[in-house]
Amino acid sequence: MVEDVRIEYCSDGQAVIIVLYRDLRRPECLFGWSREAREAEEPEIWTTIVWANFHEHVIGSPYGLPAECRQEGIIWTG
């Protein structure tokens, strides 16, 4: 379940898309995924690409989500 999507800026000014999400079987765990953000002439296409990459990361990973889970902070998966 996606909880938040946002753009943050690194110290070098590079924009990064951050997706925070939870596994419905372990709602106490907060997972995070990030990718470089790019400006696009057609934002709808970039949105589709980011969503597809995130979906592939979460659903298509042969390793699944990390087994360890802490209730504080973000567990970065990518």
PDB file of N, CA and C in Angstrom:
ATOM      1  N   MET A   1       0.846  -1.160   0.000  1.00  0.00           N
ATOM      2  CA  MET A   1       0.000   0.000   0.000  1.00  0.00           C
ATOM      3  C   MET A   1       0.904   1.239   0.000  1.00  0.00           C
ATOM      4  N   VAL A   2       0.765   2.078  -1.014  1.00  0.00           N
ATOM      5  CA  VAL A   2       1.561   3.298  -1.095  1.00  0.00           C
ATOM      6  C   VAL A   2       1.019   4.298  -0.084  1.00  0.00           C
ATOM      7  N   GLU A   3       1.923   4.841   0.718  1.00  0.00           N
ATOM      8  CA  GLU A   3       1.542   5.794   1.748  1.00  0.00           C
ATOM      9  C   GLU A   3       1.853   7.241   1.338  1.00  0.00           C
ATOM     10  N   ASP A   4       2.969   7.434   0.617  1.00  0.00           N
ATOM     11  CA  ASP A   4       3.362   8.794   0.260  1.00  0.00           C
ATOM     12  C   ASP A   4       4.263   8.750  -0.967  1.00  0.00           C
ATOM     13  N   VAL A   5       4.131   9.742  -1.818  1.00  0.00           N
ATOM     14  CA  VAL A   5       5.022   9.946  -2.963  1.00  0.00           C
ATOM     15  C   VAL A   5       5.414  11.412  -2.935  1.00  0.00           C
ATOM     16  N   ARG A   6       6.739  11.656  -3.020  1.00  0.00           N
ATOM     17  CA  ARG A   6       7.190  13.045  -2.966  1.00  0.00           C
ATOM     18  C   ARG A   6       8.511  13.195  -3.710  1.00  0.00           C
ATOM     19  N   ILE A   7       8.872  14.435  -3.968  1.00  0.00           N
ATOM     20  CA  ILE A   7      10.156  14.749  -4.571  1.00  0.00           C
ATOM     21  C   ILE A   7      10.988  15.462  -3.520  1.00  0.00           C
ATOM     22  N   GLU A   8      12.217  15.000  -3.338  1.00  0.00           N
ATOM     23  CA  GLU A   8      13.161  15.635  -2.423  1.00  0.00           C
ATOM     24  C   GLU A   8      14.405  15.999  -3.213  1.00  0.00           C
ATOM     25  N   TYR A   9      15.167  16.942  -2.682  1.00  0.00           N
ATOM     26  CA  TYR A   9      16.381  17.395  -3.355  1.00  0.00           C
ATOM     27  C   TYR A   9      17.602  17.052  -2.520  1.00  0.00           C
ATOM     28  N   CYS A  10      18.607  16.476  -3.167  1.00  0.00           N
ATOM     29  CA  CYS A  10      19.879  16.145  -2.521  1.00  0.00           C
ATOM     30  C   CYS A  10      20.696  17.422  -2.359  1.00  0.00           C
ATOM     31  N   SER A  11      21.782  17.324  -1.627  1.00  0.00           N
ATOM     32  CA  SER A  11      22.632  18.488  -1.402  1.00  0.00           C
ATOM     33  C   SER A  11      23.221  19.048  -2.697  1.00  0.00           C
ATOM     34  N   ASP A  12      23.348  18.195  -3.731  1.00  0.00           N
ATOM     35  CA  ASP A  12      23.870  18.662  -5.015  1.00  0.00           C
ATOM     36  C   ASP A  12      22.783  19.223  -5.930  1.00  0.00           C
ATOM     37  N   GLY A  13      21.554  19.292  -5.422  1.00  0.00           N
ATOM     38  CA  GLY A  13      20.448  19.843  -6.196  1.00  0.00           C
ATOM     39  C   GLY A  13      19.693  18.830  -7.028  1.00  0.00           C
ATOM     40  N   GLN A  14      20.150  17.581  -7.048  1.00  0.00           N
ATOM     41  CA  GLN A  14      19.488  16.528  -7.820  1.00  0.00           C
ATOM     42  C   GLN A  14      18.137  16.181  -7.188  1.00  0.00           C
ATOM     43  N   ALA A  15      17.118  16.105  -8.016  1.00  0.00           N
ATOM     44  CA  ALA A  15      15.778  15.741  -7.542  1.00  0.00           C
ATOM     45  C   ALA A  15      15.636  14.218  -7.503  1.00  0.00           C
ATOM     46  N   VAL A  16      14.977  13.729  -6.451  1.00  0.00           N
ATOM     47  CA  VAL A  16      14.767  12.295  -6.263  1.00  0.00           C
ATOM     48  C   VAL A  16      13.294  12.063  -5.943  1.00  0.00           C
ATOM     49  N   ILE A  17      12.708  11.071  -6.606  1.00  0.00           N
ATOM     50  CA  ILE A  17      11.334  10.668  -6.291  1.00  0.00           C
ATOM     51  C   ILE A  17      11.404   9.643  -5.165  1.00  0.00           C
ATOM     52  N   ILE A  18      10.627   9.852  -4.122  1.00  0.00           N
ATOM     53  CA  ILE A  18      10.574   8.958  -2.966  1.00  0.00           C
ATOM     54  C   ILE A  18       9.169   8.368  -2.896  1.00  0.00           C
ATOM     55  N   VAL A  19       9.099   7.039  -2.780  1.00  0.00           N
ATOM     56  CA  VAL A  19       7.818   6.365  -2.575  1.00  0.00           C
ATOM     57  C   VAL A  19       7.921   5.633  -1.238  1.00  0.00           C
ATOM     58  N   LEU A  20       7.017   5.942  -0.324  1.00  0.00           N
ATOM     59  CA  LEU A  20       6.940   5.243   0.962  1.00  0.00           C
ATOM     60  C   LEU A  20       5.734   4.314   0.906  1.00  0.00           C
ATOM     61  N   TYR A  21       5.935   3.073   1.354  1.00  0.00           N
ATOM     62  CA  TYR A  21       4.849   2.092   1.230  1.00  0.00           C
ATOM     63  C   TYR A  21       4.912   1.076   2.366  1.00  0.00           C
ATOM     64  N   ARG A  22       3.817   0.355   2.524  1.00  0.00           N
ATOM     65  CA  ARG A  22       3.707  -0.652   3.586  1.00  0.00           C
ATOM     66  C   ARG A  22       3.218  -1.970   3.006  1.00  0.00           C
ATOM     67  N   ASP A  23       3.637  -3.041   3.625  1.00  0.00           N
ATOM     68  CA  ASP A  23       3.146  -4.375   3.305  1.00  0.00           C
ATOM     69  C   ASP A  23       1.890  -4.582   4.161  1.00  0.00           C
ATOM     70  N   LEU A  24       0.782  -4.920   3.539  1.00  0.00           N
ATOM     71  CA  LEU A  24      -0.468  -5.064   4.293  1.00  0.00           C
ATOM     72  C   LEU A  24      -0.381  -6.155   5.361  1.00  0.00           C
ATOM     73  N   ARG A  25       0.530  -7.121   5.179  1.00  0.00           N
ATOM     74  CA  ARG A  25       0.698  -8.171   6.195  1.00  0.00           C
ATOM     75  C   ARG A  25       1.519  -7.687   7.381  1.00  0.00           C
ATOM     76  N   ARG A  26       2.273  -6.593   7.174  1.00  0.00           N
ATOM     77  CA  ARG A  26       3.100  -6.014   8.239  1.00  0.00           C
ATOM     78  C   ARG A  26       2.953  -4.493   8.198  1.00  0.00           C
ATOM     79  N   PRO A  27       1.796  -3.972   8.548  1.00  0.00           N
ATOM     80  CA  PRO A  27       1.553  -2.530   8.412  1.00  0.00           C
ATOM     81  C   PRO A  27       2.441  -1.669   9.318  1.00  0.00           C
ATOM     82  N   GLU A  28       3.088  -2.271  10.289  1.00  0.00           N
ATOM     83  CA  GLU A  28       3.969  -1.498  11.174  1.00  0.00           C
ATOM     84  C   GLU A  28       5.299  -1.160  10.499  1.00  0.00           C
ATOM     85  N   CYS A  29       5.615  -1.808   9.386  1.00  0.00           N
ATOM     86  CA  CYS A  29       6.873  -1.579   8.661  1.00  0.00           C
ATOM     87  C   CYS A  29       6.676  -0.518   7.584  1.00  0.00           C
ATOM     88  N   LEU A  30       7.568   0.456   7.542  1.00  0.00           N
ATOM     89  CA  LEU A  30       7.522   1.489   6.513  1.00  0.00           C
ATOM     90  C   LEU A  30       8.714   1.278   5.589  1.00  0.00           C
ATOM     91  N   PHE A  31       8.421   1.001   4.321  1.00  0.00           N
ATOM     92  CA  PHE A  31       9.456   0.754   3.323  1.00  0.00           C
ATOM     93  C   PHE A  31       9.602   1.979   2.432  1.00  0.00           C
ATOM     94  N   GLY A  32      10.786   2.155   1.882  1.00  0.00           N
ATOM     95  CA  GLY A  32      11.040   3.283   1.003  1.00  0.00           C
ATOM     96  C   GLY A  32      11.761   2.858  -0.262  1.00  0.00           C
ATOM     97  N   TRP A  33      11.427   3.513  -1.360  1.00  0.00           N
ATOM     98  CA  TRP A  33      12.046   3.288  -2.671  1.00  0.00           C
ATOM     99  C   TRP A  33      12.290   4.645  -3.291  1.00  0.00           C
ATOM    100  N   SER A  34      13.429   4.823  -3.949  1.00  0.00           N
ATOM    101  CA  SER A  34      13.708   6.123  -4.551  1.00  0.00           C
ATOM    102  C   SER A  34      14.380   5.952  -5.909  1.00  0.00           C
ATOM    103  N   ARG A  35      14.170   6.943  -6.742  1.00  0.00           N
ATOM    104  CA  ARG A  35      14.774   6.998  -8.071  1.00  0.00           C
ATOM    105  C   ARG A  35      15.025   8.450  -8.436  1.00  0.00           C
ATOM    106  N   GLU A  36      16.000   8.655  -9.291  1.00  0.00           N
ATOM    107  CA  GLU A  36      16.292   9.987  -9.803  1.00  0.00           C
ATOM    108  C   GLU A  36      15.052  10.526 -10.518  1.00  0.00           C
ATOM    109  N   ALA A  37      14.734  11.773 -10.242  1.00  0.00           N
ATOM    110  CA  ALA A  37      13.588  12.418 -10.902  1.00  0.00           C
ATOM    111  C   ALA A  37      14.102  13.199 -12.104  1.00  0.00           C
ATOM    112  N   ARG A  38      13.325  13.195 -13.153  1.00  0.00           N
ATOM    113  CA  ARG A  38      13.697  13.926 -14.364  1.00  0.00           C
ATOM    114  C   ARG A  38      12.518  14.752 -14.823  1.00  0.00           C
ATOM    115  N   GLU A  39      12.839  15.881 -15.423  1.00  0.00           N
ATOM    116  CA  GLU A  39      11.783  16.680 -16.036  1.00  0.00           C
ATOM    117  C   GLU A  39      11.416  16.025 -17.356  1.00  0.00           C
ATOM    118  N   ALA A  40      10.165  16.049 -17.671  1.00  0.00           N
ATOM    119  CA  ALA A  40       9.708  15.444 -18.917  1.00  0.00           C
ATOM    120  C   ALA A  40       8.766  16.402 -19.620  1.00  0.00           C
ATOM    121  N   GLU A  41       8.808  16.358 -20.934  1.00  0.00           N
ATOM    122  CA  GLU A  41       7.889  17.190 -21.702  1.00  0.00           C
ATOM    123  C   GLU A  41       6.448  16.736 -21.486  1.00  0.00           C
ATOM    124  N   GLU A  42       6.285  15.430 -21.290  1.00  0.00           N
ATOM    125  CA  GLU A  42       4.958  14.878 -21.037  1.00  0.00           C
ATOM    126  C   GLU A  42       4.975  14.184 -19.669  1.00  0.00           C
ATOM    127  N   PRO A  43       4.603  14.899 -18.612  1.00  0.00           N
ATOM    128  CA  PRO A  43       4.677  14.332 -17.257  1.00  0.00           C
ATOM    129  C   PRO A  43       3.889  13.030 -17.080  1.00  0.00           C
ATOM    130  N   GLU A  44       2.812  12.851 -17.837  1.00  0.00           N
ATOM    131  CA  GLU A  44       2.006  11.630 -17.704  1.00  0.00           C
ATOM    132  C   GLU A  44       2.840  10.402 -18.062  1.00  0.00           C
ATOM    133  N   ILE A  45       3.699  10.539 -19.075  1.00  0.00           N
ATOM    134  CA  ILE A  45       4.535   9.413 -19.479  1.00  0.00           C
ATOM    135  C   ILE A  45       5.557   9.109 -18.381  1.00  0.00           C
ATOM    136  N   TRP A  46       6.183  10.140 -17.822  1.00  0.00           N
ATOM    137  CA  TRP A  46       7.160   9.933 -16.749  1.00  0.00           C
ATOM    138  C   TRP A  46       6.489   9.298 -15.528  1.00  0.00           C
ATOM    139  N   THR A  47       5.276   9.723 -15.218  1.00  0.00           N
ATOM    140  CA  THR A  47       4.539   9.141 -14.095  1.00  0.00           C
ATOM    141  C   THR A  47       4.313   7.653 -14.325  1.00  0.00           C
ATOM    142  N   THR A  48       3.949   7.279 -15.532  1.00  0.00           N
ATOM    143  CA  THR A  48       3.721   5.872 -15.868  1.00  0.00           C
ATOM    144  C   THR A  48       5.010   5.067 -15.735  1.00  0.00           C
ATOM    145  N   ILE A  49       6.130   5.643 -16.173  1.00  0.00           N
ATOM    146  CA  ILE A  49       7.418   4.953 -16.085  1.00  0.00           C
ATOM    147  C   ILE A  49       7.811   4.743 -14.620  1.00  0.00           C
ATOM    148  N   VAL A  50       7.672   5.767 -13.808  1.00  0.00           N
ATOM    149  CA  VAL A  50       8.017   5.646 -12.382  1.00  0.00           C
ATOM    150  C   VAL A  50       7.136   4.593 -11.721  1.00  0.00           C
ATOM    151  N   TRP A  51       5.832   4.626 -11.986  1.00  0.00           N
ATOM    152  CA  TRP A  51       4.913   3.652 -11.390  1.00  0.00           C
ATOM    153  C   TRP A  51       5.282   2.234 -11.825  1.00  0.00           C
ATOM    154  N   ALA A  52       5.596   2.040 -13.108  1.00  0.00           N
ATOM    155  CA  ALA A  52       5.961   0.712 -13.613  1.00  0.00           C
ATOM    156  C   ALA A  52       7.257   0.226 -12.962  1.00  0.00           C
ATOM    157  N   ASN A  53       8.248   1.107 -12.827  1.00  0.00           N
ATOM    158  CA  ASN A  53       9.507   0.726 -12.177  1.00  0.00           C
ATOM    159  C   ASN A  53       9.294   0.357 -10.713  1.00  0.00           C
ATOM    160  N   PHE A  54       8.475   1.134 -10.014  1.00  0.00           N
ATOM    161  CA  PHE A  54       8.180   0.830  -8.614  1.00  0.00           C
ATOM    162  C   PHE A  54       7.446  -0.508  -8.500  1.00  0.00           C
ATOM    163  N   HIS A  55       6.450  -0.699  -9.340  1.00  0.00           N
ATOM    164  CA  HIS A  55       5.665  -1.935  -9.321  1.00  0.00           C
ATOM    165  C   HIS A  55       6.566  -3.139  -9.593  1.00  0.00           C
ATOM    166  N   GLU A  56       7.439  -3.024 -10.571  1.00  0.00           N
ATOM    167  CA  GLU A  56       8.366  -4.115 -10.880  1.00  0.00           C
ATOM    168  C   GLU A  56       9.296  -4.387  -9.701  1.00  0.00           C
ATOM    169  N   HIS A  57       9.745  -3.340  -9.045  1.00  0.00           N
ATOM    170  CA  HIS A  57      10.637  -3.489  -7.885  1.00  0.00           C
ATOM    171  C   HIS A  57       9.948  -4.262  -6.764  1.00  0.00           C
ATOM    172  N   VAL A  58       8.712  -3.906  -6.472  1.00  0.00           N
ATOM    173  CA  VAL A  58       8.006  -4.516  -5.342  1.00  0.00           C
ATOM    174  C   VAL A  58       7.465  -5.902  -5.694  1.00  0.00           C
ATOM    175  N   ILE A  59       6.804  -6.018  -6.824  1.00  0.00           N
ATOM    176  CA  ILE A  59       6.145  -7.278  -7.190  1.00  0.00           C
ATOM    177  C   ILE A  59       7.121  -8.247  -7.851  1.00  0.00           C
ATOM    178  N   GLY A  60       8.028  -7.710  -8.674  1.00  0.00           N
ATOM    179  CA  GLY A  60       8.887  -8.568  -9.475  1.00  0.00           C
ATOM    180  C   GLY A  60      10.168  -9.017  -8.813  1.00  0.00           C
ATOM    181  N   SER A  61      10.461  -8.530  -7.631  1.00  0.00           N
ATOM    182  CA  SER A  61      11.710  -8.909  -6.972  1.00  0.00           C
ATOM    183  C   SER A  61      11.645 -10.364  -6.520  1.00  0.00           C
ATOM    184  N   PRO A  62      12.628 -11.169  -6.922  1.00  0.00           N
ATOM    185  CA  PRO A  62      12.615 -12.573  -6.488  1.00  0.00           C
ATOM    186  C   PRO A  62      12.892 -12.725  -4.998  1.00  0.00           C
ATOM    187  N   TYR A  63      13.397 -11.673  -4.370  1.00  0.00           N
ATOM    188  CA  TYR A  63      13.736 -11.743  -2.948  1.00  0.00           C
ATOM    189  C   TYR A  63      12.620 -11.224  -2.055  1.00  0.00           C
ATOM    190  N   GLY A  64      11.647 -10.534  -2.622  1.00  0.00           N
ATOM    191  CA  GLY A  64      10.565  -9.977  -1.823  1.00  0.00           C
ATOM    192  C   GLY A  64      11.040  -8.839  -0.936  1.00  0.00           C
ATOM    193  N   LEU A  65      10.228  -8.469  -0.006  1.00  0.00           N
ATOM    194  CA  LEU A  65      10.582  -7.411   0.940  1.00  0.00           C
ATOM    195  C   LEU A  65      11.490  -7.977   2.027  1.00  0.00           C
ATOM    196  N   PRO A  66      12.306  -7.120   2.621  1.00  0.00           N
ATOM    197  CA  PRO A  66      13.188  -7.603   3.691  1.00  0.00           C
ATOM    198  C   PRO A  66      12.390  -8.250   4.822  1.00  0.00           C
ATOM    199  N   ALA A  67      12.934  -9.329   5.340  1.00  0.00           N
ATOM    200  CA  ALA A  67      12.262 -10.045   6.431  1.00  0.00           C
ATOM    201  C   ALA A  67      12.292  -9.243   7.723  1.00  0.00           C
ATOM    202  N   GLU A  68      13.411  -8.547   7.957  1.00  0.00           N
ATOM    203  CA  GLU A  68      13.519  -7.760   9.174  1.00  0.00           C
ATOM    204  C   GLU A  68      12.673  -6.506   9.063  1.00  0.00           C
ATOM    205  N   CYS A  69      12.062  -6.166  10.163  1.00  0.00           N
ATOM    206  CA  CYS A  69      11.192  -5.006  10.182  1.00  0.00           C
ATOM    207  C   CYS A  69      11.329  -4.316  11.524  1.00  0.00           C
ATOM    208  N   ARG A  70      11.545  -3.025  11.455  1.00  0.00           N
ATOM    209  CA  ARG A  70      11.569  -2.247  12.700  1.00  0.00           C
ATOM    210  C   ARG A  70      10.436  -1.228  12.612  1.00  0.00           C
ATOM    211  N   GLN A  71       9.921  -0.878  13.729  1.00  0.00           N
ATOM    212  CA  GLN A  71       8.770   0.006  13.746  1.00  0.00           C
ATOM    213  C   GLN A  71       9.156   1.471  13.673  1.00  0.00           C
ATOM    214  N   GLU A  72      10.445   1.766  13.672  1.00  0.00           N
ATOM    215  CA  GLU A  72      10.914   3.150  13.611  1.00  0.00           C
ATOM    216  C   GLU A  72      11.723   3.342  12.341  1.00  0.00           C
ATOM    217  N   GLY A  73      11.510   4.444  11.675  1.00  0.00           N
ATOM    218  CA  GLY A  73      12.298   4.755  10.490  1.00  0.00           C
ATOM    219  C   GLY A  73      11.807   4.061   9.235  1.00  0.00           C
ATOM    220  N   ILE A  74      12.590   4.236   8.185  1.00  0.00           N
ATOM    221  CA  ILE A  74      12.245   3.702   6.875  1.00  0.00           C
ATOM    222  C   ILE A  74      13.219   2.584   6.528  1.00  0.00           C
ATOM    223  N   ILE A  75      12.707   1.483   6.006  1.00  0.00           N
ATOM    224  CA  ILE A  75      13.524   0.383   5.517  1.00  0.00           C
ATOM    225  C   ILE A  75      13.651   0.575   4.013  1.00  0.00           C
ATOM    226  N   TRP A  76      14.820   1.011   3.549  1.00  0.00           N
ATOM    227  CA  TRP A  76      15.010   1.318   2.131  1.00  0.00           C
ATOM    228  C   TRP A  76      15.220   0.043   1.339  1.00  0.00           C
ATOM    229  N   THR A  77      14.442  -0.102   0.293  1.00  0.00           N
ATOM    230  CA  THR A  77      14.523  -1.286  -0.560  1.00  0.00           C
ATOM    231  C   THR A  77      15.079  -0.966  -1.936  1.00  0.00           C
ATOM    232  N   GLY A  78      15.308   0.258  -2.204  1.00  0.00           N
ATOM    233  CA  GLY A  78      15.851   0.622  -3.513  1.00  0.00           C
ATOM    234  C   GLY A  78      15.958   2.103  -3.650  1.00  0.00           C
TER     235      GLY A  78
END
